[in-house]
C-alpha atoms as a PDB file:
ATOM      1  CA  MET A   1       0.000   0.000   0.000  1.00  0.00           C
ATOM      2  CA  ARG A   2       1.343   3.385  -0.967  1.00  0.00           C
ATOM      3  CA  LYS A   3       1.431   5.897   1.818  1.00  0.00           C
ATOM      4  CA  GLY A   4       1.207   9.638   1.612  1.00  0.00           C
ATOM      5  CA  ARG A   5      -1.429  12.317   1.402  1.00  0.00           C
ATOM      6  CA  ARG A   6      -3.810  10.285  -0.735  1.00  0.00           C
ATOM      7  CA  GLY A   7      -3.747   7.363   1.695  1.00  0.00           C
ATOM      8  CA  MET A   8      -4.243   9.680   4.650  1.00  0.00           C
ATOM      9  CA  TRP A   9      -7.226  11.442   3.026  1.00  0.00           C
ATOM     10  CA  GLY A  10      -8.739   8.075   2.123  1.00  0.00           C
ATOM     11  CA  CYS A  11      -8.526   6.888   5.731  1.00  0.00           C
ATOM     12  CA  ILE A  12     -10.030  10.159   6.960  1.00  0.00           C
ATOM     13  CA  ALA A  13     -12.913   9.833   4.492  1.00  0.00           C
ATOM     14  CA  ILE A  14     -13.617   6.241   5.559  1.00  0.00           C
ATOM     15  CA  PHE A  15     -13.482   7.180   9.239  1.00  0.00           C
ATOM     16  CA  ALA A  16     -15.793  10.173   8.724  1.00  0.00           C
ATOM     17  CA  GLY A  17     -18.262   8.001   6.826  1.00  0.00           C
ATOM     18  CA  LEU A  18     -18.293   5.426   9.609  1.00  0.00           C
ATOM     19  CA  VAL A  19     -18.857   8.122  12.229  1.00  0.00           C
ATOM     20  CA  ILE A  20     -21.788   9.554  10.259  1.00  0.00           C
ATOM     21  CA  ILE A  21     -23.406   6.148   9.781  1.00  0.00           C
ATOM     22  CA  LEU A  22     -22.914   5.167  13.421  1.00  0.00           C
ATOM     23  CA  SER A  23     -24.231   8.508  14.681  1.00  0.00           C
ATOM     24  CA  LEU A  24     -27.536   7.754  12.989  1.00  0.00           C
ATOM     25  CA  VAL A  25     -27.824   4.378  14.743  1.00  0.00           C
ATOM     26  CA  LEU A  26     -26.201   4.605  18.166  1.00  0.00           C
ATOM     27  CA  PRO A  27     -27.440   6.501  21.256  1.00  0.00           C
ATOM     28  CA  VAL A  28     -25.797   9.648  22.623  1.00  0.00           C
ATOM     29  CA  GLU A  29     -24.313   7.865  25.667  1.00  0.00           C
ATOM     30  CA  PHE A  30     -22.183   5.732  23.368  1.00  0.00           C
ATOM     31  CA  TRP A  31     -20.541   8.822  21.891  1.00  0.00           C
ATOM     32  CA  TRP A  32     -19.467  10.067  25.319  1.00  0.00           C
ATOM     33  CA  PHE A  33     -17.742   6.710  25.851  1.00  0.00           C
ATOM     34  CA  ILE A  34     -16.002   6.992  22.472  1.00  0.00           C
ATOM     35  CA  PHE A  35     -14.956  10.589  23.235  1.00  0.00           C
ATOM     36  CA  ALA A  36     -13.457   9.524  26.588  1.00  0.00           C
ATOM     37  CA  ALA A  37     -11.617   6.588  24.983  1.00  0.00           C
ATOM     38  CA  ALA A  38     -10.268   8.878  22.251  1.00  0.00           C
ATOM     39  CA  LEU A  39      -8.979  11.357  24.841  1.00  0.00           C
ATOM     40  CA  ILE A  40      -7.236   8.574  26.758  1.00  0.00           C
ATOM     41  CA  GLY A  41      -5.704   7.235  23.549  1.00  0.00           C
ATOM     42  CA  LEU A  42      -4.576  10.714  22.525  1.00  0.00           C
ATOM     43  CA  GLY A  43      -2.993  11.260  25.936  1.00  0.00           C
ATOM     44  CA  ILE A  44      -1.100   7.961  25.761  1.00  0.00           C
ATOM     45  CA  TRP A  45       0.072   8.726  22.225  1.00  0.00           C
ATOM     46  CA  TYR A  46       1.196  12.209  23.283  1.00  0.00           C
ATOM     47  CA  LEU A  47       3.155  10.846  26.241  1.00  0.00           C
ATOM     48  CA  ARG A  48       4.904   8.243  24.076  1.00  0.00           C
ATOM     49  CA  CYS A  49       5.687  10.402  21.049  1.00  0.00           C
ATOM     50  CA  CYS A  50       6.367  13.844  22.481  1.00  0.00           C
END
């Protein structure tokens, strides 16, 4: 698989599409859980990389 800007934009588009589809199906409480998990993951990534 070739990496670069095109691959990054493709992954972003797929992720955004999944979020839109799931937001139509799942309840609001689920999104708070996802937001908390994303913040924890971002914090761990930040501590490891920076």
